[in-house]
Amino acid sequence: LAVAFQGILREFGIENKILSVTCDNASNNDTMAENLAETLPSWSVVNRTRCFAHIINL
């Protein structure tokens, strides 16, 4: 997932311009955020925002 997402960011030339990405609470999104933090210098796991609606289970 991280490879595909990073490829899309690179394709649009915005890989160093993203402040945050909003995702649901699935564990694969945690893994994606960790992998992006390892490969993109401007990325950290704190750049991932969890969807509030998923948190309160609406």
PDB file of N, CA and C in Angstrom:
ATOM      1  N   LEU A   1       0.832  -1.192   0.000  1.00  0.00           N
ATOM      2  CA  LEU A   1       0.000   0.000   0.000  1.00  0.00           C
ATOM      3  C   LEU A   1       0.872   1.249   0.000  1.00  0.00           C
ATOM      4  N   ALA A   2       1.934   1.226   0.793  1.00  0.00           N
ATOM      5  CA  ALA A   2       2.826   2.390   0.872  1.00  0.00           C
ATOM      6  C   ALA A   2       3.517   2.644  -0.458  1.00  0.00           C
ATOM      7  N   VAL A   3       3.922   1.574  -1.136  1.00  0.00           N
ATOM      8  CA  VAL A   3       4.605   1.726  -2.424  1.00  0.00           C
ATOM      9  C   VAL A   3       3.666   2.356  -3.447  1.00  0.00           C
ATOM     10  N   ALA A   4       2.428   1.878  -3.500  1.00  0.00           N
ATOM     11  CA  ALA A   4       1.448   2.436  -4.434  1.00  0.00           C
ATOM     12  C   ALA A   4       1.138   3.889  -4.100  1.00  0.00           C
ATOM     13  N   PHE A   5       0.947   4.181  -2.824  1.00  0.00           N
ATOM     14  CA  PHE A   5       0.629   5.546  -2.403  1.00  0.00           C
ATOM     15  C   PHE A   5       1.786   6.491  -2.701  1.00  0.00           C
ATOM     16  N   GLN A   6       2.997   6.054  -2.402  1.00  0.00           N
ATOM     17  CA  GLN A   6       4.172   6.882  -2.674  1.00  0.00           C
ATOM     18  C   GLN A   6       4.336   7.100  -4.179  1.00  0.00           C
ATOM     19  N   GLY A   7       4.031   6.100  -4.981  1.00  0.00           N
ATOM     20  CA  GLY A   7       4.097   6.243  -6.437  1.00  0.00           C
ATOM     21  C   GLY A   7       3.130   7.295  -6.949  1.00  0.00           C
ATOM     22  N   ILE A   8       1.933   7.322  -6.380  1.00  0.00           N
ATOM     23  CA  ILE A   8       0.941   8.327  -6.774  1.00  0.00           C
ATOM     24  C   ILE A   8       1.404   9.717  -6.363  1.00  0.00           C
ATOM     25  N   LEU A   9       1.923   9.841  -5.144  1.00  0.00           N
ATOM     26  CA  LEU A   9       2.441  11.139  -4.696  1.00  0.00           C
ATOM     27  C   LEU A   9       3.559  11.616  -5.616  1.00  0.00           C
ATOM     28  N   ARG A  10       4.445  10.707  -5.985  1.00  0.00           N
ATOM     29  CA  ARG A  10       5.570  11.037  -6.861  1.00  0.00           C
ATOM     30  C   ARG A  10       5.073  11.420  -8.258  1.00  0.00           C
ATOM     31  N   GLU A  11       4.072  10.679  -8.757  1.00  0.00           N
ATOM     32  CA  GLU A  11       3.516  10.944 -10.085  1.00  0.00           C
ATOM     33  C   GLU A  11       2.968  12.368 -10.184  1.00  0.00           C
ATOM     34  N   PHE A  12       2.337  12.836  -9.120  1.00  0.00           N
ATOM     35  CA  PHE A  12       1.769  14.180  -9.113  1.00  0.00           C
ATOM     36  C   PHE A  12       2.757  15.233  -8.606  1.00  0.00           C
ATOM     37  N   GLY A  13       3.945  14.807  -8.216  1.00  0.00           N
ATOM     38  CA  GLY A  13       4.974  15.732  -7.755  1.00  0.00           C
ATOM     39  C   GLY A  13       4.660  16.383  -6.422  1.00  0.00           C
ATOM     40  N   ILE A  14       3.973  15.648  -5.549  1.00  0.00           N
ATOM     41  CA  ILE A  14       3.555  16.237  -4.267  1.00  0.00           C
ATOM     42  C   ILE A  14       4.054  15.446  -3.059  1.00  0.00           C
ATOM     43  N   GLU A  15       5.019  14.558  -3.257  1.00  0.00           N
ATOM     44  CA  GLU A  15       5.441  13.707  -2.143  1.00  0.00           C
ATOM     45  C   GLU A  15       6.048  14.487  -0.983  1.00  0.00           C
ATOM     46  N   ASN A  16       6.547  15.679  -1.213  1.00  0.00           N
ATOM     47  CA  ASN A  16       7.096  16.506  -0.136  1.00  0.00           C
ATOM     48  C   ASN A  16       6.179  17.670   0.222  1.00  0.00           C
ATOM     49  N   LYS A  17       4.934  17.622  -0.249  1.00  0.00           N
ATOM     50  CA  LYS A  17       3.996  18.716  -0.007  1.00  0.00           C
ATOM     51  C   LYS A  17       2.770  18.290   0.794  1.00  0.00           C
ATOM     52  N   ILE A  18       2.723  17.050   1.228  1.00  0.00           N
ATOM     53  CA  ILE A  18       1.569  16.523   1.955  1.00  0.00           C
ATOM     54  C   ILE A  18       1.761  16.760   3.446  1.00  0.00           C
ATOM     55  N   LEU A  19       0.790  17.424   4.057  1.00  0.00           N
ATOM     56  CA  LEU A  19       0.848  17.672   5.497  1.00  0.00           C
ATOM     57  C   LEU A  19       0.256  16.503   6.276  1.00  0.00           C
ATOM     58  N   SER A  20      -0.863  15.969   5.777  1.00  0.00           N
ATOM     59  CA  SER A  20      -1.551  14.915   6.507  1.00  0.00           C
ATOM     60  C   SER A  20      -2.365  14.065   5.541  1.00  0.00           C
ATOM     61  N   VAL A  21      -2.583  12.822   5.924  1.00  0.00           N
ATOM     62  CA  VAL A  21      -3.441  11.916   5.177  1.00  0.00           C
ATOM     63  C   VAL A  21      -4.451  11.353   6.162  1.00  0.00           C
ATOM     64  N   THR A  22      -5.727  11.415   5.802  1.00  0.00           N
ATOM     65  CA  THR A  22      -6.782  10.893   6.666  1.00  0.00           C
ATOM     66  C   THR A  22      -7.148   9.484   6.219  1.00  0.00           C
ATOM     67  N   CYS A  23      -7.097   8.541   7.150  1.00  0.00           N
ATOM     68  CA  CYS A  23      -7.389   7.136   6.871  1.00  0.00           C
ATOM     69  C   CYS A  23      -8.303   6.589   7.963  1.00  0.00           C
ATOM     70  N   ASP A  24      -8.913   5.440   7.672  1.00  0.00           N
ATOM     71  CA  ASP A  24      -9.671   4.777   8.725  1.00  0.00           C
ATOM     72  C   ASP A  24      -8.688   4.097   9.680  1.00  0.00           C
ATOM     73  N   ASN A  25      -9.195   3.347  10.621  1.00  0.00           N
ATOM     74  CA  ASN A  25      -8.355   2.782  11.677  1.00  0.00           C
ATOM     75  C   ASN A  25      -7.810   1.393  11.362  1.00  0.00           C
ATOM     76  N   ALA A  26      -7.847   0.992  10.110  1.00  0.00           N
ATOM     77  CA  ALA A  26      -7.349  -0.335   9.739  1.00  0.00           C
ATOM     78  C   ALA A  26      -5.845  -0.443   9.990  1.00  0.00           C
ATOM     79  N   SER A  27      -5.419  -1.612  10.419  1.00  0.00           N
ATOM     80  CA  SER A  27      -4.005  -1.807  10.756  1.00  0.00           C
ATOM     81  C   SER A  27      -3.094  -1.662   9.541  1.00  0.00           C
ATOM     82  N   ASN A  28      -3.623  -1.954   8.337  1.00  0.00           N
ATOM     83  CA  ASN A  28      -2.774  -1.789   7.152  1.00  0.00           C
ATOM     84  C   ASN A  28      -2.428  -0.319   6.918  1.00  0.00           C
ATOM     85  N   ASN A  29      -3.260   0.605   7.385  1.00  0.00           N
ATOM     86  CA  ASN A  29      -2.939   2.027   7.276  1.00  0.00           C
ATOM     87  C   ASN A  29      -1.844   2.420   8.265  1.00  0.00           C
ATOM     88  N   ASP A  30      -1.804   1.767   9.426  1.00  0.00           N
ATOM     89  CA  ASP A  30      -0.695   1.979  10.366  1.00  0.00           C
ATOM     90  C   ASP A  30       0.620   1.543   9.723  1.00  0.00           C
ATOM     91  N   THR A  31       0.586   0.379   9.086  1.00  0.00           N
ATOM     92  CA  THR A  31       1.774  -0.142   8.416  1.00  0.00           C
ATOM     93  C   THR A  31       2.204   0.777   7.282  1.00  0.00           C
ATOM     94  N   MET A  32       1.229   1.283   6.516  1.00  0.00           N
ATOM     95  CA  MET A  32       1.550   2.200   5.427  1.00  0.00           C
ATOM     96  C   MET A  32       2.236   3.454   5.964  1.00  0.00           C
ATOM     97  N   ALA A  33       1.718   4.024   7.044  1.00  0.00           N
ATOM     98  CA  ALA A  33       2.304   5.230   7.626  1.00  0.00           C
ATOM     99  C   ALA A  33       3.731   4.965   8.109  1.00  0.00           C
ATOM    100  N   GLU A  34       3.953   3.811   8.713  1.00  0.00           N
ATOM    101  CA  GLU A  34       5.303   3.455   9.167  1.00  0.00           C
ATOM    102  C   GLU A  34       6.261   3.290   7.990  1.00  0.00           C
ATOM    103  N   ASN A  35       5.793   2.643   6.921  1.00  0.00           N
ATOM    104  CA  ASN A  35       6.633   2.454   5.735  1.00  0.00           C
ATOM    105  C   ASN A  35       6.942   3.778   5.054  1.00  0.00           C
ATOM    106  N   LEU A  36       5.970   4.675   4.987  1.00  0.00           N
ATOM    107  CA  LEU A  36       6.213   5.990   4.395  1.00  0.00           C
ATOM    108  C   LEU A  36       7.227   6.770   5.217  1.00  0.00           C
ATOM    109  N   ALA A  37       7.158   6.634   6.538  1.00  0.00           N
ATOM    110  CA  ALA A  37       8.109   7.330   7.413  1.00  0.00           C
ATOM    111  C   ALA A  37       9.538   6.844   7.172  1.00  0.00           C
ATOM    112  N   GLU A  38       9.682   5.591   6.770  1.00  0.00           N
ATOM    113  CA  GLU A  38      11.010   5.041   6.496  1.00  0.00           C
ATOM    114  C   GLU A  38      11.559   5.486   5.144  1.00  0.00           C
ATOM    115  N   THR A  39      10.672   5.759   4.176  1.00  0.00           N
ATOM    116  CA  THR A  39      11.133   6.028   2.811  1.00  0.00           C
ATOM    117  C   THR A  39      11.056   7.490   2.386  1.00  0.00           C
ATOM    118  N   LEU A  40      10.191   8.276   3.008  1.00  0.00           N
ATOM    119  CA  LEU A  40      10.070   9.692   2.652  1.00  0.00           C
ATOM    120  C   LEU A  40      10.665  10.550   3.759  1.00  0.00           C
ATOM    121  N   PRO A  41      11.654  11.375   3.450  1.00  0.00           N
ATOM    122  CA  PRO A  41      12.287  12.189   4.493  1.00  0.00           C
ATOM    123  C   PRO A  41      11.336  13.188   5.148  1.00  0.00           C
ATOM    124  N   SER A  42      10.332  13.635   4.413  1.00  0.00           N
ATOM    125  CA  SER A  42       9.422  14.649   4.958  1.00  0.00           C
ATOM    126  C   SER A  42       8.234  14.037   5.694  1.00  0.00           C
ATOM    127  N   TRP A  43       8.181  12.713   5.805  1.00  0.00           N
ATOM    128  CA  TRP A  43       7.012  12.035   6.366  1.00  0.00           C
ATOM    129  C   TRP A  43       7.311  11.499   7.755  1.00  0.00           C
ATOM    130  N   SER A  44       6.294  11.523   8.605  1.00  0.00           N
ATOM    131  CA  SER A  44       6.364  10.931   9.933  1.00  0.00           C
ATOM    132  C   SER A  44       5.022  10.265  10.204  1.00  0.00           C
ATOM    133  N   VAL A  45       4.976   9.327  11.125  1.00  0.00           N
ATOM    134  CA  VAL A  45       3.702   8.674  11.434  1.00  0.00           C
ATOM    135  C   VAL A  45       2.684   9.667  11.986  1.00  0.00           C
ATOM    136  N   VAL A  46       3.131  10.804  12.495  1.00  0.00           N
ATOM    137  CA  VAL A  46       2.185  11.811  12.993  1.00  0.00           C
ATOM    138  C   VAL A  46       1.469  12.519  11.851  1.00  0.00           C
ATOM    139  N   ASN A  47       1.894  12.300  10.606  1.00  0.00           N
ATOM    140  CA  ASN A  47       1.220  12.885   9.455  1.00  0.00           C
ATOM    141  C   ASN A  47      -0.065  12.133   9.108  1.00  0.00           C
ATOM    142  N   ARG A  48      -0.316  11.040   9.771  1.00  0.00           N
ATOM    143  CA  ARG A  48      -1.545  10.280   9.524  1.00  0.00           C
ATOM    144  C   ARG A  48      -2.613  10.731  10.508  1.00  0.00           C
ATOM    145  N   THR A  49      -3.761  11.126   9.973  1.00  0.00           N
ATOM    146  CA  THR A  49      -4.895  11.531  10.792  1.00  0.00           C
ATOM    147  C   THR A  49      -5.952  10.439  10.714  1.00  0.00           C
ATOM    148  N   ARG A  50      -6.429  10.018  11.850  1.00  0.00           N
ATOM    149  CA  ARG A  50      -7.475   8.989  11.873  1.00  0.00           C
ATOM    150  C   ARG A  50      -8.843   9.636  11.667  1.00  0.00           C
ATOM    151  N   CYS A  51      -9.690   8.965  10.917  1.00  0.00           N
ATOM    152  CA  CYS A  51     -11.031   9.466  10.620  1.00  0.00           C
ATOM    153  C   CYS A  51     -11.872   9.459  11.900  1.00  0.00           C
ATOM    154  N   PHE A  52     -12.374  10.632  12.274  1.00  0.00           N
ATOM    155  CA  PHE A  52     -13.136  10.758  13.516  1.00  0.00           C
ATOM    156  C   PHE A  52     -14.414   9.918  13.485  1.00  0.00           C
ATOM    157  N   ALA A  53     -15.077   9.860  12.334  1.00  0.00           N
ATOM    158  CA  ALA A  53     -16.307   9.062  12.231  1.00  0.00           C
ATOM    159  C   ALA A  53     -16.028   7.582  12.488  1.00  0.00           C
ATOM    160  N   HIS A  54     -14.890   7.091  12.046  1.00  0.00           N
ATOM    161  CA  HIS A  54     -14.538   5.701  12.316  1.00  0.00           C
ATOM    162  C   HIS A  54     -14.178   5.494  13.783  1.00  0.00           C
ATOM    163  N   ILE A  55     -13.613   6.512  14.403  1.00  0.00           N
ATOM    164  CA  ILE A  55     -13.254   6.399  15.816  1.00  0.00           C
ATOM    165  C   ILE A  55     -14.498   6.245  16.679  1.00  0.00           C
ATOM    166  N   ILE A  56     -15.539   7.029  16.379  1.00  0.00           N
ATOM    167  CA  ILE A  56     -16.758   6.946  17.192  1.00  0.00           C
ATOM    168  C   ILE A  56     -17.773   5.966  16.610  1.00  0.00           C
ATOM    169  N   ASN A  57     -17.362   5.244  15.550  1.00  0.00           N
ATOM    170  CA  ASN A  57     -18.157   4.168  14.942  1.00  0.00           C
ATOM    171  C   ASN A  57     -19.525   4.603  14.450  1.00  0.00           C
ATOM    172  N   LEU A  58     -19.558   5.655  13.674  1.00  0.00           N
ATOM    173  CA  LEU A  58     -20.833   6.072  13.072  1.00  0.00           C
ATOM    174  C   LEU A  58     -21.118   5.284  11.834  1.00  0.00           C
TER     175      LEU A  58
END
